[in-house]
Amino acid sequence: GYAITGNDIRSVDELFQKADNNMYQEKLHRSSIRSSLVKTMMKALEARDYITEGHTDRLQDLLTDFAKALNLSEQTINRLRLMARFHDIGKVGVSDQILFKPGPLTPEERNEMQRHCEIGYHIALASPDLALIADGILKHHEWWNGEGYPLKLKGEQIPIECRMLSIVDAFDAMTNERHYRRAV
């Protein structure tokens, strides 16, 4: 792992912690053995939701291109790729009846579906490999106008990585077939 001193680092201990965090992030990105439990959860989600794997692969590619166009660091690109891969991991806690419902969700079903952000957040916090992106998993459905979920954040309160993920997620959702609607 590595880290660069800057305004956000106040001590040598913080520098080492940041370098250590970067090392774990890179290990997960490169399919580390430590992430086997998380991979198992993702495989379970992929088995339930046939869209997930292709969706996450497309998001990773779109986010990488987006981040490179913005001249973001390789470290930020790797974090974005992790978020793309694991942003919907909380869907393992959503019932198949709701996950695969062909029509519109009822308000109660929508509330249960929206819980996937919080479920994913708690899963990520429990995994040292994903703790770095837990906040992004929690906030990836926040909207610029404050009408997103679960925290109703607005504008620049939403982390830039979440805003980027939201843009490419919406693009992918509109341009690919879903079980509940056709591609635009």
N, C-alpha and C. Protein backbone atom coordinates (compact mmCIF):
# COMPACT_ATOMS: atom_id res chain seq x y z
N GLY A 1 0.82 -1.19 0.00
CA GLY A 1 0.00 0.00 0.00
C GLY A 1 0.86 1.24 0.00
N TYR A 2 0.26 2.34 -0.39
CA TYR A 2 0.97 3.62 -0.39
C TYR A 2 -0.01 4.72 -0.02
N ALA A 3 0.53 5.84 0.39
CA ALA A 3 -0.28 7.02 0.68
C ALA A 3 0.62 8.23 0.48
N ILE A 4 0.01 9.35 0.17
CA ILE A 4 0.73 10.59 -0.04
C ILE A 4 0.29 11.57 1.03
N THR A 5 1.23 12.21 1.67
CA THR A 5 0.87 13.17 2.70
C THR A 5 0.15 14.35 2.06
N GLY A 6 -0.75 14.93 2.82
CA GLY A 6 -1.52 16.07 2.32
C GLY A 6 -2.29 16.69 3.46
N ASN A 7 -3.21 17.56 3.13
CA ASN A 7 -3.98 18.28 4.14
C ASN A 7 -4.83 17.35 4.99
N ASP A 8 -5.23 16.20 4.44
CA ASP A 8 -6.11 15.30 5.17
C ASP A 8 -5.37 14.37 6.12
N ILE A 9 -4.04 14.38 6.11
CA ILE A 9 -3.25 13.50 6.98
C ILE A 9 -2.53 14.36 8.01
N ARG A 10 -2.78 14.07 9.31
CA ARG A 10 -2.26 14.90 10.38
C ARG A 10 -1.11 14.25 11.15
N SER A 11 -0.88 12.94 10.93
CA SER A 11 0.19 12.28 11.69
C SER A 11 0.75 11.12 10.87
N VAL A 12 1.88 10.61 11.35
CA VAL A 12 2.49 9.45 10.71
C VAL A 12 1.58 8.23 10.83
N ASP A 13 0.90 8.11 11.98
CA ASP A 13 -0.04 6.99 12.16
C ASP A 13 -1.14 7.03 11.12
N GLU A 14 -1.68 8.23 10.85
CA GLU A 14 -2.72 8.36 9.81
C GLU A 14 -2.17 8.00 8.44
N LEU A 15 -0.92 8.40 8.18
CA LEU A 15 -0.28 8.06 6.90
C LEU A 15 -0.18 6.55 6.73
N PHE A 16 0.27 5.86 7.78
CA PHE A 16 0.36 4.40 7.72
C PHE A 16 -1.02 3.76 7.58
N GLN A 17 -2.01 4.29 8.30
CA GLN A 17 -3.37 3.75 8.21
C GLN A 17 -3.91 3.91 6.79
N LYS A 18 -3.68 5.07 6.20
CA LYS A 18 -4.16 5.30 4.83
C LYS A 18 -3.47 4.35 3.85
N ALA A 19 -2.16 4.16 4.02
CA ALA A 19 -1.43 3.23 3.16
C ALA A 19 -1.95 1.81 3.33
N ASP A 20 -2.22 1.44 4.58
CA ASP A 20 -2.76 0.11 4.86
C ASP A 20 -4.14 -0.06 4.23
N ASN A 21 -5.00 0.96 4.35
CA ASN A 21 -6.32 0.90 3.73
C ASN A 21 -6.22 0.77 2.22
N ASN A 22 -5.29 1.50 1.62
CA ASN A 22 -5.09 1.42 0.17
C ASN A 22 -4.64 0.02 -0.25
N MET A 23 -3.80 -0.60 0.58
CA MET A 23 -3.35 -1.95 0.28
C MET A 23 -4.52 -2.93 0.28
N TYR A 24 -5.40 -2.84 1.30
CA TYR A 24 -6.54 -3.74 1.35
C TYR A 24 -7.50 -3.50 0.19
N GLN A 25 -7.69 -2.25 -0.17
CA GLN A 25 -8.55 -1.92 -1.31
C GLN A 25 -8.00 -2.56 -2.58
N GLU A 26 -6.70 -2.45 -2.78
CA GLU A 26 -6.08 -3.02 -3.97
C GLU A 26 -6.16 -4.54 -3.96
N LYS A 27 -6.00 -5.16 -2.79
CA LYS A 27 -6.11 -6.61 -2.69
C LYS A 27 -7.49 -7.09 -3.13
N LEU A 28 -8.54 -6.40 -2.66
CA LEU A 28 -9.89 -6.81 -3.05
C LEU A 28 -10.08 -6.62 -4.54
N HIS A 29 -9.59 -5.50 -5.04
CA HIS A 29 -9.71 -5.23 -6.47
C HIS A 29 -9.07 -6.34 -7.29
N ARG A 30 -8.01 -6.89 -6.81
CA ARG A 30 -7.30 -7.96 -7.52
C ARG A 30 -7.73 -9.35 -7.05
N SER A 31 -8.95 -9.45 -6.56
CA SER A 31 -9.55 -10.74 -6.18
C SER A 31 -8.77 -11.47 -5.10
N SER A 32 -8.49 -10.79 -4.03
CA SER A 32 -7.78 -11.37 -2.91
C SER A 32 -8.56 -12.53 -2.29
N ILE A 33 -7.85 -13.46 -1.74
CA ILE A 33 -8.47 -14.60 -1.05
C ILE A 33 -9.27 -14.12 0.16
N ARG A 34 -8.85 -13.03 0.80
CA ARG A 34 -9.56 -12.51 1.96
C ARG A 34 -10.99 -12.12 1.63
N SER A 35 -11.29 -11.92 0.37
CA SER A 35 -12.63 -11.47 0.00
C SER A 35 -13.56 -12.63 -0.37
N SER A 36 -13.18 -13.85 -0.03
CA SER A 36 -13.98 -15.00 -0.47
C SER A 36 -15.41 -14.98 0.06
N LEU A 37 -15.62 -14.53 1.28
CA LEU A 37 -16.98 -14.45 1.82
C LEU A 37 -17.81 -13.45 1.03
N VAL A 38 -17.23 -12.29 0.76
CA VAL A 38 -17.92 -11.27 -0.02
C VAL A 38 -18.20 -11.79 -1.44
N LYS A 39 -17.23 -12.48 -2.01
CA LYS A 39 -17.43 -13.06 -3.34
C LYS A 39 -18.57 -14.07 -3.32
N THR A 40 -18.65 -14.85 -2.25
CA THR A 40 -19.73 -15.82 -2.12
C THR A 40 -21.08 -15.11 -2.09
N MET A 41 -21.16 -14.01 -1.36
CA MET A 41 -22.40 -13.23 -1.33
C MET A 41 -22.73 -12.69 -2.71
N MET A 42 -21.72 -12.21 -3.42
CA MET A 42 -21.97 -11.67 -4.76
C MET A 42 -22.42 -12.79 -5.71
N LYS A 43 -21.84 -13.96 -5.58
CA LYS A 43 -22.26 -15.09 -6.42
C LYS A 43 -23.71 -15.47 -6.11
N ALA A 44 -24.07 -15.42 -4.83
CA ALA A 44 -25.46 -15.70 -4.45
C ALA A 44 -26.39 -14.67 -5.07
N LEU A 45 -25.99 -13.41 -5.06
CA LEU A 45 -26.81 -12.37 -5.68
C LEU A 45 -26.88 -12.56 -7.19
N GLU A 46 -25.75 -12.88 -7.81
CA GLU A 46 -25.74 -13.11 -9.26
C GLU A 46 -26.62 -14.29 -9.64
N ALA A 47 -26.62 -15.33 -8.80
CA ALA A 47 -27.46 -16.50 -9.08
C ALA A 47 -28.94 -16.14 -8.99
N ARG A 48 -29.27 -15.23 -8.10
CA ARG A 48 -30.66 -14.79 -7.95
C ARG A 48 -31.04 -13.79 -9.03
N ASP A 49 -30.13 -12.91 -9.37
CA ASP A 49 -30.44 -11.80 -10.27
C ASP A 49 -29.52 -11.88 -11.49
N TYR A 50 -30.05 -12.42 -12.58
CA TYR A 50 -29.24 -12.65 -13.77
C TYR A 50 -28.72 -11.35 -14.38
N ILE A 51 -29.25 -10.21 -14.03
CA ILE A 51 -28.81 -8.93 -14.57
C ILE A 51 -27.54 -8.45 -13.88
N THR A 52 -27.36 -8.82 -12.62
CA THR A 52 -26.33 -8.23 -11.78
C THR A 52 -24.93 -8.31 -12.37
N GLU A 53 -24.49 -9.47 -12.83
CA GLU A 53 -23.11 -9.59 -13.26
C GLU A 53 -22.81 -8.71 -14.47
N GLY A 54 -23.61 -8.76 -15.49
CA GLY A 54 -23.38 -7.90 -16.64
C GLY A 54 -23.49 -6.44 -16.28
N HIS A 55 -24.40 -6.13 -15.38
CA HIS A 55 -24.61 -4.75 -14.93
C HIS A 55 -23.36 -4.22 -14.23
N THR A 56 -22.83 -4.98 -13.30
CA THR A 56 -21.65 -4.50 -12.58
C THR A 56 -20.43 -4.39 -13.48
N ASP A 57 -20.29 -5.30 -14.42
CA ASP A 57 -19.17 -5.22 -15.36
C ASP A 57 -19.27 -3.96 -16.21
N ARG A 58 -20.49 -3.67 -16.68
CA ARG A 58 -20.68 -2.45 -17.48
C ARG A 58 -20.42 -1.21 -16.64
N LEU A 59 -20.90 -1.21 -15.39
CA LEU A 59 -20.68 -0.06 -14.52
C LEU A 59 -19.19 0.16 -14.26
N GLN A 60 -18.45 -0.91 -14.04
CA GLN A 60 -17.01 -0.78 -13.82
C GLN A 60 -16.34 -0.12 -15.03
N ASP A 61 -16.70 -0.56 -16.22
CA ASP A 61 -16.10 0.01 -17.42
C ASP A 61 -16.50 1.48 -17.60
N LEU A 62 -17.78 1.77 -17.41
CA LEU A 62 -18.25 3.15 -17.57
C LEU A 62 -17.62 4.08 -16.54
N LEU A 63 -17.55 3.62 -15.30
CA LEU A 63 -16.94 4.46 -14.25
C LEU A 63 -15.46 4.67 -14.49
N THR A 64 -14.77 3.66 -14.96
CA THR A 64 -13.34 3.81 -15.26
C THR A 64 -13.15 4.87 -16.33
N ASP A 65 -13.93 4.79 -17.40
CA ASP A 65 -13.81 5.79 -18.47
C ASP A 65 -14.16 7.19 -17.96
N PHE A 66 -15.22 7.29 -17.17
CA PHE A 66 -15.66 8.57 -16.60
C PHE A 66 -14.54 9.16 -15.73
N ALA A 67 -13.98 8.34 -14.84
CA ALA A 67 -12.94 8.81 -13.93
C ALA A 67 -11.68 9.22 -14.69
N LYS A 68 -11.33 8.47 -15.72
CA LYS A 68 -10.16 8.83 -16.52
C LYS A 68 -10.38 10.14 -17.25
N ALA A 69 -11.60 10.36 -17.74
CA ALA A 69 -11.92 11.62 -18.41
C ALA A 69 -11.80 12.80 -17.46
N LEU A 70 -12.04 12.56 -16.16
CA LEU A 70 -11.93 13.60 -15.15
C LEU A 70 -10.52 13.67 -14.54
N ASN A 71 -9.59 12.85 -15.07
CA ASN A 71 -8.21 12.79 -14.57
C ASN A 71 -8.13 12.45 -13.09
N LEU A 72 -9.00 11.54 -12.63
CA LEU A 72 -8.97 11.11 -11.24
C LEU A 72 -7.83 10.11 -11.04
N SER A 73 -7.39 10.00 -9.81
CA SER A 73 -6.26 9.13 -9.49
C SER A 73 -6.61 7.66 -9.69
N GLU A 74 -5.57 6.85 -9.84
CA GLU A 74 -5.75 5.39 -9.97
C GLU A 74 -6.41 4.83 -8.71
N GLN A 75 -6.07 5.39 -7.57
CA GLN A 75 -6.68 4.95 -6.30
C GLN A 75 -8.18 5.22 -6.32
N THR A 76 -8.60 6.38 -6.79
CA THR A 76 -10.02 6.71 -6.87
C THR A 76 -10.71 5.81 -7.89
N ILE A 77 -10.06 5.54 -8.99
CA ILE A 77 -10.63 4.65 -10.01
C ILE A 77 -10.85 3.26 -9.42
N ASN A 78 -9.88 2.76 -8.66
CA ASN A 78 -10.03 1.44 -8.04
C ASN A 78 -11.19 1.43 -7.05
N ARG A 79 -11.33 2.51 -6.27
CA ARG A 79 -12.45 2.60 -5.31
C ARG A 79 -13.78 2.63 -6.06
N LEU A 80 -13.84 3.36 -7.17
CA LEU A 80 -15.06 3.41 -7.98
C LEU A 80 -15.39 2.04 -8.55
N ARG A 81 -14.38 1.31 -8.99
CA ARG A 81 -14.60 -0.03 -9.52
C ARG A 81 -15.16 -0.96 -8.43
N LEU A 82 -14.63 -0.83 -7.21
CA LEU A 82 -15.16 -1.62 -6.10
C LEU A 82 -16.62 -1.25 -5.82
N MET A 83 -16.90 0.03 -5.82
CA MET A 83 -18.29 0.46 -5.59
C MET A 83 -19.21 -0.08 -6.67
N ALA A 84 -18.75 -0.05 -7.91
CA ALA A 84 -19.57 -0.58 -9.00
C ALA A 84 -19.85 -2.06 -8.79
N ARG A 85 -18.85 -2.77 -8.34
CA ARG A 85 -18.97 -4.22 -8.16
C ARG A 85 -19.90 -4.57 -7.00
N PHE A 86 -19.83 -3.80 -5.92
CA PHE A 86 -20.50 -4.19 -4.68
C PHE A 86 -21.64 -3.27 -4.25
N HIS A 87 -21.99 -2.27 -5.04
CA HIS A 87 -23.00 -1.30 -4.61
C HIS A 87 -24.35 -1.94 -4.29
N ASP A 88 -24.70 -3.01 -4.97
CA ASP A 88 -26.00 -3.65 -4.75
C ASP A 88 -25.91 -4.92 -3.91
N ILE A 89 -24.83 -5.12 -3.18
CA ILE A 89 -24.67 -6.34 -2.40
C ILE A 89 -25.79 -6.49 -1.36
N GLY A 90 -26.38 -5.40 -0.93
CA GLY A 90 -27.47 -5.45 0.03
C GLY A 90 -28.73 -6.11 -0.52
N LYS A 91 -28.79 -6.30 -1.84
CA LYS A 91 -29.96 -6.97 -2.42
C LYS A 91 -30.04 -8.44 -2.01
N VAL A 92 -28.98 -8.97 -1.41
CA VAL A 92 -29.07 -10.35 -0.89
C VAL A 92 -30.12 -10.42 0.21
N GLY A 93 -30.46 -9.27 0.81
CA GLY A 93 -31.46 -9.22 1.87
C GLY A 93 -32.85 -8.84 1.40
N VAL A 94 -33.06 -8.77 0.09
CA VAL A 94 -34.37 -8.42 -0.47
C VAL A 94 -35.02 -9.68 -1.02
N SER A 95 -36.30 -9.86 -0.76
CA SER A 95 -36.98 -11.08 -1.19
C SER A 95 -37.04 -11.18 -2.71
N ASP A 96 -37.01 -12.42 -3.20
CA ASP A 96 -37.12 -12.67 -4.64
C ASP A 96 -38.43 -12.12 -5.20
N GLN A 97 -39.49 -12.19 -4.42
CA GLN A 97 -40.80 -11.71 -4.86
C GLN A 97 -40.72 -10.23 -5.25
N ILE A 98 -39.97 -9.46 -4.50
CA ILE A 98 -39.82 -8.03 -4.80
C ILE A 98 -38.74 -7.82 -5.85
N LEU A 99 -37.64 -8.52 -5.72
CA LEU A 99 -36.51 -8.35 -6.64
C LEU A 99 -36.91 -8.65 -8.08
N PHE A 100 -37.79 -9.61 -8.28
CA PHE A 100 -38.16 -10.02 -9.63
C PHE A 100 -39.58 -9.66 -10.02
N LYS A 101 -40.22 -8.80 -9.29
CA LYS A 101 -41.59 -8.41 -9.61
C LYS A 101 -41.60 -7.72 -10.98
N PRO A 102 -42.44 -8.18 -11.89
CA PRO A 102 -42.43 -7.62 -13.25
C PRO A 102 -43.05 -6.23 -13.37
N GLY A 103 -43.90 -5.85 -12.46
CA GLY A 103 -44.57 -4.55 -12.55
C GLY A 103 -44.09 -3.60 -11.48
N PRO A 104 -44.80 -2.49 -11.35
CA PRO A 104 -44.43 -1.49 -10.33
C PRO A 104 -44.54 -2.06 -8.91
N LEU A 105 -43.68 -1.57 -8.03
CA LEU A 105 -43.69 -1.99 -6.65
C LEU A 105 -44.71 -1.17 -5.87
N THR A 106 -45.31 -1.79 -4.87
CA THR A 106 -46.18 -1.06 -3.95
C THR A 106 -45.29 -0.19 -3.06
N PRO A 107 -45.85 0.78 -2.35
CA PRO A 107 -45.02 1.58 -1.44
C PRO A 107 -44.28 0.73 -0.41
N GLU A 108 -44.91 -0.31 0.10
CA GLU A 108 -44.26 -1.19 1.08
C GLU A 108 -43.10 -1.96 0.42
N GLU A 109 -43.34 -2.47 -0.79
CA GLU A 109 -42.29 -3.18 -1.51
C GLU A 109 -41.13 -2.25 -1.85
N ARG A 110 -41.44 -1.03 -2.23
CA ARG A 110 -40.40 -0.05 -2.55
C ARG A 110 -39.55 0.22 -1.32
N ASN A 111 -40.20 0.35 -0.15
CA ASN A 111 -39.45 0.56 1.09
C ASN A 111 -38.51 -0.59 1.38
N GLU A 112 -38.98 -1.82 1.16
CA GLU A 112 -38.11 -2.99 1.38
C GLU A 112 -36.95 -2.99 0.39
N MET A 113 -37.23 -2.69 -0.86
CA MET A 113 -36.16 -2.64 -1.88
C MET A 113 -35.13 -1.57 -1.52
N GLN A 114 -35.60 -0.43 -1.05
CA GLN A 114 -34.68 0.65 -0.72
C GLN A 114 -33.78 0.33 0.47
N ARG A 115 -34.16 -0.63 1.26
CA ARG A 115 -33.33 -1.06 2.40
C ARG A 115 -32.02 -1.69 1.95
N HIS A 116 -31.91 -2.05 0.65
CA HIS A 116 -30.69 -2.71 0.21
C HIS A 116 -29.45 -1.83 0.42
N CYS A 117 -29.61 -0.52 0.41
CA CYS A 117 -28.47 0.37 0.66
C CYS A 117 -27.95 0.20 2.08
N GLU A 118 -28.87 0.16 3.03
CA GLU A 118 -28.48 0.01 4.44
C GLU A 118 -27.96 -1.40 4.72
N ILE A 119 -28.59 -2.40 4.13
CA ILE A 119 -28.12 -3.78 4.29
C ILE A 119 -26.70 -3.90 3.74
N GLY A 120 -26.49 -3.37 2.55
CA GLY A 120 -25.16 -3.40 1.94
C GLY A 120 -24.13 -2.65 2.76
N TYR A 121 -24.52 -1.53 3.33
CA TYR A 121 -23.64 -0.74 4.20
C TYR A 121 -23.17 -1.59 5.37
N HIS A 122 -24.09 -2.29 6.01
CA HIS A 122 -23.73 -3.13 7.17
C HIS A 122 -22.87 -4.31 6.76
N ILE A 123 -23.14 -4.89 5.61
CA ILE A 123 -22.29 -5.98 5.10
C ILE A 123 -20.88 -5.45 4.87
N ALA A 124 -20.78 -4.29 4.23
CA ALA A 124 -19.47 -3.71 3.93
C ALA A 124 -18.70 -3.37 5.21
N LEU A 125 -19.39 -2.83 6.20
CA LEU A 125 -18.71 -2.50 7.46
C LEU A 125 -18.16 -3.74 8.14
N ALA A 126 -18.83 -4.87 7.95
CA ALA A 126 -18.40 -6.12 8.58
C ALA A 126 -17.21 -6.75 7.86
N SER A 127 -16.88 -6.25 6.68
CA SER A 127 -15.77 -6.79 5.91
C SER A 127 -14.64 -5.77 5.83
N PRO A 128 -13.47 -6.10 6.36
CA PRO A 128 -12.35 -5.15 6.27
C PRO A 128 -12.04 -4.76 4.82
N ASP A 129 -12.30 -5.66 3.90
CA ASP A 129 -12.02 -5.38 2.49
C ASP A 129 -12.99 -4.38 1.88
N LEU A 130 -14.19 -4.28 2.43
CA LEU A 130 -15.20 -3.39 1.86
C LEU A 130 -15.50 -2.16 2.72
N ALA A 131 -14.94 -2.10 3.91
CA ALA A 131 -15.24 -0.98 4.81
C ALA A 131 -14.96 0.37 4.17
N LEU A 132 -13.97 0.43 3.30
CA LEU A 132 -13.60 1.68 2.64
C LEU A 132 -14.70 2.22 1.71
N ILE A 133 -15.58 1.34 1.25
CA ILE A 133 -16.64 1.79 0.33
C ILE A 133 -18.02 1.70 0.97
N ALA A 134 -18.07 1.41 2.27
CA ALA A 134 -19.36 1.26 2.96
C ALA A 134 -20.21 2.52 2.82
N ASP A 135 -19.61 3.69 3.01
CA ASP A 135 -20.34 4.94 2.91
C ASP A 135 -20.92 5.13 1.50
N GLY A 136 -20.15 4.77 0.49
CA GLY A 136 -20.63 4.87 -0.89
C GLY A 136 -21.78 3.92 -1.16
N ILE A 137 -21.72 2.73 -0.60
CA ILE A 137 -22.82 1.77 -0.75
C ILE A 137 -24.08 2.33 -0.11
N LEU A 138 -23.94 2.93 1.07
CA LEU A 138 -25.09 3.51 1.76
C LEU A 138 -25.72 4.64 0.94
N LYS A 139 -24.92 5.46 0.32
CA LYS A 139 -25.40 6.70 -0.30
C LYS A 139 -25.57 6.64 -1.81
N HIS A 140 -25.46 5.47 -2.42
CA HIS A 140 -25.45 5.43 -3.89
C HIS A 140 -26.81 5.69 -4.54
N HIS A 141 -27.87 5.77 -3.77
CA HIS A 141 -29.18 6.12 -4.34
C HIS A 141 -29.68 7.49 -3.87
N GLU A 142 -28.78 8.32 -3.39
CA GLU A 142 -29.15 9.70 -3.04
C GLU A 142 -29.27 10.50 -4.34
N TRP A 143 -30.17 11.45 -4.37
CA TRP A 143 -30.42 12.26 -5.56
C TRP A 143 -30.02 13.70 -5.31
N TRP A 144 -29.57 14.36 -6.36
CA TRP A 144 -29.14 15.75 -6.29
C TRP A 144 -30.23 16.64 -5.68
N ASN A 145 -31.50 16.35 -5.98
CA ASN A 145 -32.61 17.19 -5.49
C ASN A 145 -33.06 16.82 -4.07
N GLY A 146 -32.41 15.86 -3.43
CA GLY A 146 -32.74 15.49 -2.06
C GLY A 146 -33.85 14.47 -1.93
N GLU A 147 -34.34 13.95 -3.03
CA GLU A 147 -35.44 12.99 -2.99
C GLU A 147 -34.99 11.54 -3.08
N GLY A 148 -33.70 11.30 -2.96
CA GLY A 148 -33.19 9.94 -2.99
C GLY A 148 -33.33 9.26 -1.64
N TYR A 149 -32.62 8.17 -1.46
CA TYR A 149 -32.69 7.43 -0.21
C TYR A 149 -31.35 6.81 0.12
N PRO A 150 -31.09 6.46 1.35
CA PRO A 150 -31.95 6.45 2.52
C PRO A 150 -31.86 7.72 3.37
N LEU A 151 -30.89 8.59 3.13
CA LEU A 151 -30.64 9.73 4.02
C LEU A 151 -31.21 11.06 3.52
N LYS A 152 -31.76 11.07 2.31
CA LYS A 152 -32.31 12.30 1.72
C LYS A 152 -31.25 13.40 1.61
N LEU A 153 -30.01 13.00 1.27
CA LEU A 153 -28.96 13.98 1.07
C LEU A 153 -29.25 14.78 -0.19
N LYS A 154 -28.65 15.95 -0.28
CA LYS A 154 -28.95 16.84 -1.40
C LYS A 154 -27.65 17.46 -1.92
N GLY A 155 -27.56 17.62 -3.23
CA GLY A 155 -26.45 18.33 -3.85
C GLY A 155 -25.10 17.79 -3.46
N GLU A 156 -24.22 18.70 -3.06
CA GLU A 156 -22.85 18.33 -2.76
C GLU A 156 -22.69 17.59 -1.43
N GLN A 157 -23.79 17.37 -0.71
CA GLN A 157 -23.72 16.50 0.47
C GLN A 157 -23.45 15.06 0.03
N ILE A 158 -23.79 14.76 -1.20
CA ILE A 158 -23.61 13.41 -1.75
C ILE A 158 -22.16 13.28 -2.23
N PRO A 159 -21.44 12.25 -1.78
CA PRO A 159 -20.05 12.08 -2.22
C PRO A 159 -19.95 12.00 -3.75
N ILE A 160 -18.89 12.56 -4.30
CA ILE A 160 -18.70 12.60 -5.76
C ILE A 160 -18.74 11.20 -6.36
N GLU A 161 -18.17 10.21 -5.67
CA GLU A 161 -18.17 8.84 -6.20
C GLU A 161 -19.60 8.32 -6.35
N CYS A 162 -20.47 8.68 -5.40
CA CYS A 162 -21.87 8.26 -5.46
C CYS A 162 -22.60 8.96 -6.61
N ARG A 163 -22.27 10.23 -6.82
CA ARG A 163 -22.90 10.96 -7.93
C ARG A 163 -22.47 10.36 -9.26
N MET A 164 -21.20 10.01 -9.36
CA MET A 164 -20.70 9.39 -10.60
C MET A 164 -21.37 8.03 -10.83
N LEU A 165 -21.43 7.23 -9.78
CA LEU A 165 -22.07 5.92 -9.89
C LEU A 165 -23.53 6.07 -10.29
N SER A 166 -24.21 7.04 -9.73
CA SER A 166 -25.61 7.27 -10.05
C SER A 166 -25.81 7.59 -11.53
N ILE A 167 -24.92 8.39 -12.07
CA ILE A 167 -25.02 8.76 -13.49
C ILE A 167 -24.84 7.53 -14.39
N VAL A 168 -23.79 6.76 -14.15
CA VAL A 168 -23.56 5.60 -15.02
C VAL A 168 -24.57 4.49 -14.77
N ASP A 169 -25.07 4.38 -13.53
CA ASP A 169 -26.10 3.39 -13.21
C ASP A 169 -27.38 3.72 -13.96
N ALA A 170 -27.76 5.00 -13.97
CA ALA A 170 -28.97 5.42 -14.69
C ALA A 170 -28.80 5.18 -16.19
N PHE A 171 -27.64 5.49 -16.72
CA PHE A 171 -27.38 5.26 -18.14
C PHE A 171 -27.50 3.78 -18.48
N ASP A 172 -26.88 2.93 -17.65
CA ASP A 172 -26.94 1.49 -17.90
C ASP A 172 -28.36 0.97 -17.77
N ALA A 173 -29.10 1.46 -16.79
CA ALA A 173 -30.49 1.01 -16.59
C ALA A 173 -31.35 1.39 -17.79
N MET A 174 -31.12 2.57 -18.35
CA MET A 174 -31.94 3.01 -19.48
C MET A 174 -31.59 2.30 -20.77
N THR A 175 -30.34 1.91 -20.93
CA THR A 175 -29.89 1.37 -22.22
C THR A 175 -29.82 -0.15 -22.27
N ASN A 176 -30.26 -0.82 -21.22
CA ASN A 176 -30.26 -2.28 -21.19
C ASN A 176 -31.61 -2.81 -20.74
N GLU A 177 -31.95 -3.98 -21.26
CA GLU A 177 -33.23 -4.63 -20.91
C GLU A 177 -33.25 -4.98 -19.43
N ARG A 178 -34.41 -4.85 -18.81
CA ARG A 178 -34.64 -5.29 -17.44
C ARG A 178 -35.87 -6.18 -17.44
N HIS A 179 -36.01 -6.99 -16.40
CA HIS A 179 -37.17 -7.89 -16.36
C HIS A 179 -38.47 -7.11 -16.22
N TYR A 180 -38.40 -5.86 -15.81
CA TYR A 180 -39.61 -5.07 -15.59
C TYR A 180 -39.85 -4.01 -16.67
N ARG A 181 -38.91 -3.87 -17.65
CA ARG A 181 -39.12 -2.92 -18.75
C ARG A 181 -38.05 -3.10 -19.82
N ARG A 182 -38.38 -2.56 -21.00
CA ARG A 182 -37.47 -2.66 -22.15
C ARG A 182 -36.45 -1.53 -22.11
N ALA A 183 -35.35 -1.69 -22.82
CA ALA A 183 -34.33 -0.65 -22.93
C ALA A 183 -34.87 0.54 -23.70
N VAL A 184 -34.38 1.71 -23.36
CA VAL A 184 -34.79 2.94 -24.05
C VAL A 184 -33.92 3.12 -25.29
